[in-house]
C-alpha atoms as a PDB file:
ATOM      1  CA  MET A   1      -0.336  -0.277   0.033  1.00  0.00           C
ATOM      2  CA  ALA A   2       2.997   2.337  -0.653  1.00  0.00           C
ATOM      3  CA  GLY A   3       2.385   5.641  -2.568  1.00  0.00           C
ATOM      4  CA  SER A   4       4.675   7.922  -2.850  1.00  0.00           C
ATOM      5  CA  LEU A   5       3.210  10.437  -0.301  1.00  0.00           C
ATOM      6  CA  SER A   6       2.617   9.383   3.563  1.00  0.00           C
ATOM      7  CA  TYR A   7      -0.370   9.908   5.978  1.00  0.00           C
ATOM      8  CA  PRO A   8       0.504   8.689   9.007  1.00  0.00           C
ATOM      9  CA  ASP A   9      -2.030  10.084  11.196  1.00  0.00           C
ATOM     10  CA  ILE A  10      -4.956   9.307   9.332  1.00  0.00           C
ATOM     11  CA  GLY A  11      -6.963   5.641   7.646  1.00  0.00           C
ATOM     12  CA  VAL A  12      -9.927   4.437   6.237  1.00  0.00           C
ATOM     13  CA  VAL A  13     -11.887   1.227   7.538  1.00  0.00           C
ATOM     14  CA  PHE A  14     -14.256  -0.485   4.912  1.00  0.00           C
ATOM     15  CA  ASP A  15     -17.284  -2.171   5.673  1.00  0.00           C
ATOM     16  CA  LEU A  16     -17.844  -5.470   3.649  1.00  0.00           C
ATOM     17  CA  ASP A  17     -20.890  -6.411   1.947  1.00  0.00           C
ATOM     18  CA  GLY A  18     -22.673  -3.605   0.683  1.00  0.00           C
ATOM     19  CA  VAL A  19     -19.666  -1.246   0.578  1.00  0.00           C
ATOM     20  CA  ILE A  20     -16.717  -3.647  -1.066  1.00  0.00           C
ATOM     21  CA  ILE A  21     -19.090  -6.338  -2.750  1.00  0.00           C
ATOM     22  CA  ASP A  22     -22.691  -6.728  -2.739  1.00  0.00           C
ATOM     23  CA  SER A  23     -23.196 -10.780  -1.774  1.00  0.00           C
ATOM     24  CA  HIS A  24     -27.018 -10.079  -0.501  1.00  0.00           C
ATOM     25  CA  ASP A  25     -28.604 -12.643  -2.774  1.00  0.00           C
ATOM     26  CA  GLN A  26     -25.794 -15.144  -1.655  1.00  0.00           C
ATOM     27  CA  HIS A  27     -26.301 -14.510   2.229  1.00  0.00           C
ATOM     28  CA  GLU A  28     -30.348 -14.590   1.738  1.00  0.00           C
ATOM     29  CA  ARG A  29     -30.049 -18.080  -0.247  1.00  0.00           C
ATOM     30  CA  SER A  30     -27.947 -19.492   2.269  1.00  0.00           C
ATOM     31  CA  TRP A  31     -30.010 -18.798   4.929  1.00  0.00           C
ATOM     32  CA  PHE A  32     -32.857 -20.170   3.188  1.00  0.00           C
ATOM     33  CA  GLN A  33     -30.876 -23.275   2.295  1.00  0.00           C
ATOM     34  CA  LEU A  34     -29.913 -23.940   5.862  1.00  0.00           C
ATOM     35  CA  ALA A  35     -33.568 -23.584   7.180  1.00  0.00           C
ATOM     36  CA  ALA A  36     -34.351 -25.994   4.462  1.00  0.00           C
ATOM     37  CA  GLU A  37     -31.507 -28.700   5.604  1.00  0.00           C
ATOM     38  CA  ILE A  38     -33.046 -28.145   9.287  1.00  0.00           C
ATOM     39  CA  ASP A  39     -36.865 -27.682   8.485  1.00  0.00           C
ATOM     40  CA  LYS A  40     -37.566 -24.525  10.526  1.00  0.00           C
ATOM     41  CA  PRO A  41     -39.382 -21.672   9.350  1.00  0.00           C
ATOM     42  CA  LEU A  42     -37.668 -18.291   8.001  1.00  0.00           C
ATOM     43  CA  THR A  43     -39.397 -15.395   6.170  1.00  0.00           C
ATOM     44  CA  LYS A  44     -38.137 -12.883   4.264  1.00  0.00           C
ATOM     45  CA  GLU A  45     -38.641 -10.362   6.982  1.00  0.00           C
ATOM     46  CA  GLN A  46     -36.693 -12.544   9.312  1.00  0.00           C
ATOM     47  CA  PHE A  47     -33.985 -11.963   6.925  1.00  0.00           C
ATOM     48  CA  LYS A  48     -34.405  -8.641   6.387  1.00  0.00           C
ATOM     49  CA  GLU A  49     -34.110  -7.697  10.038  1.00  0.00           C
ATOM     50  CA  SER A  50     -31.071 -10.194  10.200  1.00  0.00           C
ATOM     51  CA  PHE A  51     -28.958  -9.064   7.660  1.00  0.00           C
ATOM     52  CA  GLY A  52     -25.679  -7.133   9.298  1.00  0.00           C
ATOM     53  CA  MET A  53     -26.232  -8.825  12.589  1.00  0.00           C
ATOM     54  CA  ARG A  54     -23.764 -11.625  14.082  1.00  0.00           C
ATOM     55  CA  ASN A  55     -25.230 -15.080  13.951  1.00  0.00           C
ATOM     56  CA  VAL A  56     -24.731 -15.177  17.623  1.00  0.00           C
ATOM     57  CA  MET A  57     -27.631 -12.808  17.520  1.00  0.00           C
ATOM     58  CA  CYS A  58     -30.186 -13.571  14.936  1.00  0.00           C
ATOM     59  CA  ILE A  59     -30.285 -17.158  15.038  1.00  0.00           C
ATOM     60  CA  PRO A  60     -31.899 -17.170  18.268  1.00  0.00           C
ATOM     61  CA  HIS A  61     -33.504 -13.548  18.645  1.00  0.00           C
ATOM     62  CA  VAL A  62     -34.784 -13.146  15.218  1.00  0.00           C
ATOM     63  CA  PHE A  63     -35.074 -16.734  13.802  1.00  0.00           C
ATOM     64  CA  HIS A  64     -36.289 -18.387  16.904  1.00  0.00           C
ATOM     65  CA  TRP A  65     -34.424 -21.465  15.914  1.00  0.00           C
ATOM     66  CA  THR A  66     -32.754 -22.085  19.430  1.00  0.00           C
ATOM     67  CA  ALA A  67     -32.437 -20.803  22.795  1.00  0.00           C
ATOM     68  CA  PRO A  68     -29.757 -18.244  23.502  1.00  0.00           C
ATOM     69  CA  GLU A  69     -28.192 -20.313  25.819  1.00  0.00           C
ATOM     70  CA  ASP A  70     -27.790 -23.046  23.684  1.00  0.00           C
ATOM     71  CA  HIS A  71     -24.237 -21.957  22.863  1.00  0.00           C
ATOM     72  CA  GLU A  72     -23.116 -25.270  20.994  1.00  0.00           C
ATOM     73  CA  GLU A  73     -25.997 -25.106  18.840  1.00  0.00           C
ATOM     74  CA  ILE A  74     -26.213 -21.670  17.305  1.00  0.00           C
ATOM     75  CA  ALA A  75     -22.055 -22.385  16.961  1.00  0.00           C
ATOM     76  CA  ARG A  76     -22.789 -25.384  14.791  1.00  0.00           C
ATOM     77  CA  LEU A  77     -26.162 -24.015  12.506  1.00  0.00           C
ATOM     78  CA  GLY A  78     -23.927 -20.962  12.252  1.00  0.00           C
ATOM     79  CA  ASP A  79     -20.882 -22.615  11.081  1.00  0.00           C
ATOM     80  CA  ARG A  80     -23.220 -24.534   8.547  1.00  0.00           C
ATOM     81  CA  LYS A  81     -24.631 -21.549   6.979  1.00  0.00           C
ATOM     82  CA  GLU A  82     -21.380 -19.950   6.288  1.00  0.00           C
ATOM     83  CA  GLU A  83     -20.008 -23.182   4.517  1.00  0.00           C
ATOM     84  CA  LEU A  84     -22.883 -22.862   2.824  1.00  0.00           C
ATOM     85  CA  TYR A  85     -22.599 -19.115   1.837  1.00  0.00           C
ATOM     86  CA  ARG A  86     -18.667 -19.785   0.790  1.00  0.00           C
ATOM     87  CA  ASP A  87     -20.189 -22.786  -1.617  1.00  0.00           C
ATOM     88  CA  LEU A  88     -22.276 -19.918  -3.348  1.00  0.00           C
ATOM     89  CA  LEU A  89     -19.421 -17.596  -3.750  1.00  0.00           C
ATOM     90  CA  ARG A  90     -17.439 -20.104  -5.373  1.00  0.00           C
ATOM     91  CA  ALA A  91     -20.145 -21.104  -7.659  1.00  0.00           C
ATOM     92  CA  ASP A  92     -21.544 -18.157  -8.453  1.00  0.00           C
ATOM     93  CA  GLY A  93     -18.246 -15.645  -8.498  1.00  0.00           C
ATOM     94  CA  ILE A  94     -18.819 -11.647  -7.210  1.00  0.00           C
ATOM     95  CA  ALA A  95     -17.081  -8.946  -7.819  1.00  0.00           C
ATOM     96  CA  PRO A  96     -16.364  -5.662  -6.404  1.00  0.00           C
ATOM     97  CA  LEU A  97     -18.740  -2.974  -6.455  1.00  0.00           C
ATOM     98  CA  PRO A  98     -18.316  -0.315  -8.936  1.00  0.00           C
ATOM     99  CA  GLY A  99     -15.711   2.573  -7.878  1.00  0.00           C
ATOM    100  CA  VAL A 100     -13.944   0.099  -5.291  1.00  0.00           C
ATOM    101  CA  VAL A 101     -10.800  -0.953  -6.882  1.00  0.00           C
ATOM    102  CA  ALA A 102     -10.603   2.528  -7.916  1.00  0.00           C
ATOM    103  CA  LEU A 103     -10.411   4.018  -5.017  1.00  0.00           C
ATOM    104  CA  LEU A 104      -8.223   1.346  -3.524  1.00  0.00           C
ATOM    105  CA  GLN A 105      -5.561   2.148  -5.927  1.00  0.00           C
ATOM    106  CA  SER A 106      -6.163   6.015  -5.138  1.00  0.00           C
ATOM    107  CA  LEU A 107      -5.575   5.410  -1.473  1.00  0.00           C
ATOM    108  CA  SER A 108      -2.792   3.222  -1.927  1.00  0.00           C
ATOM    109  CA  ASP A 109      -1.143   5.646  -4.493  1.00  0.00           C
ATOM    110  CA  ALA A 110      -1.900   8.603  -1.923  1.00  0.00           C
ATOM    111  CA  GLY A 111      -0.463   6.256   0.937  1.00  0.00           C
ATOM    112  CA  VAL A 112      -3.376   6.532   2.962  1.00  0.00           C
ATOM    113  CA  PRO A 113      -3.875   3.147   4.716  1.00  0.00           C
ATOM    114  CA  PHE A 114      -7.269   0.944   4.924  1.00  0.00           C
ATOM    115  CA  SER A 115      -8.396  -2.165   6.601  1.00  0.00           C
ATOM    116  CA  LEU A 116     -11.535  -3.491   6.679  1.00  0.00           C
ATOM    117  CA  GLY A 117     -14.295  -4.340   9.732  1.00  0.00           C
ATOM    118  CA  SER A 118     -16.892  -6.531   9.150  1.00  0.00           C
ATOM    119  CA  SER A 119     -19.777  -8.522  11.071  1.00  0.00           C
ATOM    120  CA  THR A 120     -18.721 -11.773   9.161  1.00  0.00           C
ATOM    121  CA  SER A 121     -15.855 -14.432  10.144  1.00  0.00           C
ATOM    122  CA  ARG A 122     -12.749 -14.141   9.072  1.00  0.00           C
ATOM    123  CA  LYS A 123     -13.478 -17.228   6.745  1.00  0.00           C
ATOM    124  CA  ASN A 124     -15.963 -15.349   4.904  1.00  0.00           C
ATOM    125  CA  ILE A 125     -13.552 -12.197   4.237  1.00  0.00           C
ATOM    126  CA  ALA A 126     -10.857 -14.337   3.058  1.00  0.00           C
ATOM    127  CA  ALA A 127     -13.050 -15.727   0.504  1.00  0.00           C
ATOM    128  CA  CYS A 128     -14.232 -12.774  -0.844  1.00  0.00           C
ATOM    129  CA  PHE A 129     -11.158 -11.161  -0.873  1.00  0.00           C
ATOM    130  CA  SER A 130      -9.593 -14.496  -2.705  1.00  0.00           C
ATOM    131  CA  ALA A 131     -12.704 -14.460  -5.054  1.00  0.00           C
ATOM    132  CA  THR A 132     -12.243 -10.713  -6.071  1.00  0.00           C
ATOM    133  CA  GLY A 133      -8.532 -10.212  -6.423  1.00  0.00           C
ATOM    134  CA  LEU A 134      -8.788  -7.566  -3.249  1.00  0.00           C
ATOM    135  CA  ASP A 135      -6.529  -9.575  -0.977  1.00  0.00           C
ATOM    136  CA  ARG A 136      -3.755  -7.531  -2.665  1.00  0.00           C
ATOM    137  CA  PHE A 137      -4.806  -4.515  -1.279  1.00  0.00           C
ATOM    138  CA  PHE A 138      -5.814  -5.537   2.129  1.00  0.00           C
ATOM    139  CA  GLY A 139      -3.733  -8.502   2.936  1.00  0.00           C
ATOM    140  CA  PRO A 140      -4.519  -9.128   6.306  1.00  0.00           C
ATOM    141  CA  ARG A 141      -5.437  -5.755   7.640  1.00  0.00           C
ATOM    142  CA  TYR A 142      -9.070  -6.975   8.743  1.00  0.00           C
ATOM    143  CA  THR A 143     -11.486  -7.815  11.293  1.00  0.00           C
ATOM    144  CA  GLY A 144     -14.119 -10.123  11.862  1.00  0.00           C
ATOM    145  CA  ALA A 145     -16.821 -11.837  13.920  1.00  0.00           C
ATOM    146  CA  GLU A 146     -14.298 -14.071  15.710  1.00  0.00           C
ATOM    147  CA  ASP A 147     -12.213 -10.698  17.201  1.00  0.00           C
ATOM    148  CA  VAL A 148     -15.001  -8.960  18.911  1.00  0.00           C
ATOM    149  CA  THR A 149     -17.341  -9.733  21.634  1.00  0.00           C
ATOM    150  CA  ARG A 150     -20.228  -7.718  20.685  1.00  0.00           C
ATOM    151  CA  GLY A 151     -21.336  -6.851  17.357  1.00  0.00           C
ATOM    152  CA  LYS A 152     -22.337  -3.452  15.512  1.00  0.00           C
ATOM    153  CA  PRO A 153     -23.786  -1.339  16.491  1.00  0.00           C
ATOM    154  CA  PHE A 154     -21.333  -1.380  19.402  1.00  0.00           C
ATOM    155  CA  PRO A 155     -17.887  -0.045  18.168  1.00  0.00           C
ATOM    156  CA  ASP A 156     -15.574  -2.987  18.534  1.00  0.00           C
ATOM    157  CA  VAL A 157     -15.051  -4.290  15.090  1.00  0.00           C
ATOM    158  CA  PHE A 158     -14.184  -0.601  13.469  1.00  0.00           C
ATOM    159  CA  LEU A 159     -11.842  -0.104  16.602  1.00  0.00           C
ATOM    160  CA  GLU A 160     -10.107  -3.276  16.068  1.00  0.00           C
ATOM    161  CA  ALA A 161      -9.704  -2.648  12.272  1.00  0.00           C
ATOM    162  CA  ALA A 162      -8.062   0.729  13.339  1.00  0.00           C
ATOM    163  CA  ALA A 163      -5.619  -1.299  15.466  1.00  0.00           C
ATOM    164  CA  THR A 164      -4.909  -3.261  12.261  1.00  0.00           C
ATOM    165  CA  ILE A 165      -3.133  -0.031  10.758  1.00  0.00           C
ATOM    166  CA  ASP A 166      -1.778   1.606  13.884  1.00  0.00           C
ATOM    167  CA  ARG A 167      -4.264   4.342  13.794  1.00  0.00           C
ATOM    168  CA  ARG A 168      -6.514   6.421  16.290  1.00  0.00           C
ATOM    169  CA  PRO A 169     -10.136   5.948  15.842  1.00  0.00           C
ATOM    170  CA  ALA A 170     -10.451   9.919  15.696  1.00  0.00           C
ATOM    171  CA  ALA A 171      -8.219   9.721  12.694  1.00  0.00           C
ATOM    172  CA  CYS A 172     -10.327   6.983  10.882  1.00  0.00           C
ATOM    173  CA  LEU A 173     -13.501   7.558   8.107  1.00  0.00           C
ATOM    174  CA  VAL A 174     -15.346   4.606   7.829  1.00  0.00           C
ATOM    175  CA  VAL A 175     -17.286   3.846   4.806  1.00  0.00           C
ATOM    176  CA  GLU A 176     -20.636   1.981   5.647  1.00  0.00           C
ATOM    177  CA  ASP A 177     -23.910   1.350   3.438  1.00  0.00           C
ATOM    178  CA  ALA A 178     -26.225   0.234   6.578  1.00  0.00           C
ATOM    179  CA  HIS A 179     -27.525   2.513   9.641  1.00  0.00           C
ATOM    180  CA  VAL A 180     -26.174  -0.366  12.276  1.00  0.00           C
ATOM    181  CA  GLY A 181     -22.384   0.345  10.472  1.00  0.00           C
ATOM    182  CA  VAL A 182     -23.254   3.671  10.709  1.00  0.00           C
ATOM    183  CA  GLU A 183     -24.005   3.753  14.805  1.00  0.00           C
ATOM    184  CA  ALA A 184     -20.781   1.814  14.946  1.00  0.00           C
ATOM    185  CA  GLY A 185     -18.508   3.898  13.448  1.00  0.00           C
ATOM    186  CA  LEU A 186     -19.884   7.364  15.228  1.00  0.00           C
ATOM    187  CA  ALA A 187     -19.532   5.124  18.429  1.00  0.00           C
ATOM    188  CA  ALA A 188     -16.371   4.557  17.617  1.00  0.00           C
ATOM    189  CA  GLY A 189     -15.718   8.041  17.393  1.00  0.00           C
ATOM    190  CA  MET A 190     -14.682   8.265  13.942  1.00  0.00           C
ATOM    191  CA  LYS A 191     -16.116   9.920  10.603  1.00  0.00           C
ATOM    192  CA  VAL A 192     -18.519   7.882   8.493  1.00  0.00           C
ATOM    193  CA  LEU A 193     -19.461   8.401   5.158  1.00  0.00           C
ATOM    194  CA  ALA A 194     -22.491   6.529   3.665  1.00  0.00           C
ATOM    195  CA  VAL A 195     -23.283   4.939   0.620  1.00  0.00           C
ATOM    196  CA  THR A 196     -26.793   3.787  -0.623  1.00  0.00           C
ATOM    197  CA  THR A 197     -25.888   0.806  -2.238  1.00  0.00           C
ATOM    198  CA  THR A 198     -28.300  -1.517   0.155  1.00  0.00           C
ATOM    199  CA  HIS A 199     -30.193   1.422   1.671  1.00  0.00           C
ATOM    200  CA  PRO A 200     -32.007   4.760   1.167  1.00  0.00           C
ATOM    201  CA  ARG A 201     -30.642   8.241   1.998  1.00  0.00           C
ATOM    202  CA  GLU A 202     -33.759   8.342   4.366  1.00  0.00           C
ATOM    203  CA  SER A 203     -32.445   5.704   6.609  1.00  0.00           C
ATOM    204  CA  PHE A 204     -29.622   7.682   7.966  1.00  0.00           C
ATOM    205  CA  ALA A 205     -31.502  10.711   8.725  1.00  0.00           C
ATOM    206  CA  GLY A 206     -30.478  12.154  12.014  1.00  0.00           C
ATOM    207  CA  LEU A 207     -26.977  10.468  11.956  1.00  0.00           C
ATOM    208  CA  GLU A 208     -23.915  13.031  12.076  1.00  0.00           C
ATOM    209  CA  ILE A 209     -22.445  11.674   8.684  1.00  0.00           C
ATOM    210  CA  ALA A 210     -19.965  13.364   6.955  1.00  0.00           C
ATOM    211  CA  ARG A 211     -21.046  12.841   3.547  1.00  0.00           C
ATOM    212  CA  ILE A 212     -23.586  10.279   1.801  1.00  0.00           C
ATOM    213  CA  VAL A 213     -22.784   9.087  -1.775  1.00  0.00           C
ATOM    214  CA  ASP A 214     -25.001   6.728  -4.212  1.00  0.00           C
ATOM    215  CA  SER A 215     -21.695   5.025  -5.214  1.00  0.00           C
ATOM    216  CA  LEU A 216     -17.522   4.579  -4.534  1.00  0.00           C
ATOM    217  CA  THR A 217     -17.132   5.769  -7.565  1.00  0.00           C
ATOM    218  CA  GLU A 218     -17.801   9.481  -6.838  1.00  0.00           C
ATOM    219  CA  ILE A 219     -14.939   9.486  -4.291  1.00  0.00           C
ATOM    220  CA  ASP A 220     -10.912   9.037  -4.271  1.00  0.00           C
ATOM    221  CA  ALA A 221      -8.103   9.688  -2.005  1.00  0.00           C
ATOM    222  CA  ALA A 222      -8.681  13.849  -2.633  1.00  0.00           C
ATOM    223  CA  THR A 223     -12.380  13.002  -1.229  1.00  0.00           C
ATOM    224  CA  VAL A 224     -11.232  11.346   1.727  1.00  0.00           C
ATOM    225  CA  LEU A 225      -8.672  13.405   2.580  1.00  0.00           C
ATOM    226  CA  ALA A 226     -10.987  16.683   2.691  1.00  0.00           C
ATOM    227  CA  LEU A 227     -13.292  14.476   5.128  1.00  0.00           C
ATOM    228  CA  LEU A 228     -10.644  14.127   7.292  1.00  0.00           C
ATOM    229  CA  ASP A 229      -9.181  17.831   7.332  1.00  0.00           C
ATOM    230  CA  ALA A 230      -5.796  16.146   6.028  1.00  0.00           C
ATOM    231  CA  PRO A 231      -3.508  18.179   3.775  1.00  0.00           C
ATOM    232  CA  GLY A 232      -4.225  17.510  -0.324  1.00  0.00           C
ATOM    233  CA  ILE A 233      -2.536  15.720  -2.533  1.00  0.00           C
ATOM    234  CA  CYS A 234       0.226  17.748  -4.310  1.00  0.00           C
ATOM    235  CA  GLY A 235       0.329  17.066  -7.710  1.00  0.00           C
END
């Protein structure tokens, strides 16, 4: 990620699904495949409510498939769901969302470090990076569900992600697509850029967001530097 310039005090933390990739369909299909396997009910409304939650929360509290204290069964079901999800990723293939590669390259060229913080597992993140070729940008700089005890809207995953690039939370910009993720970024003391890939602008009403865009094609390293009040890129 070395560039001709260096910004030792700032950084960017990306969410994964809805920001870097869109695997909403694979998540939905894998949950419904699992529901069919174990003969449990699941509705579209329940899936929509659960999206972005960690499995340990949605399996007992949204789907009501097991008791909250049955940790072994929750873990078993969660592991199976993620296995189905990765199978679908490999079968379907997946590409980065528009603007992602250009933005990551722009940040790399400018010497702005970045990492990723997601509610999904590290195996899923690695599978997504491998499928898209984005591992060349992120390397080991990512944080997944196993790395924190509390999921979004708690700030833990973004705080840990900032630590992977050795940045203070107040010097980081979070890029998110969901209300719960924006809340997590703000709770971490970071500035937040919201992208409307999965949720309309109205869903972010009342949140102190630095900027809202419809696509990452609208921003580059210069945009990030301006949002973080950092010196501009010299030509």
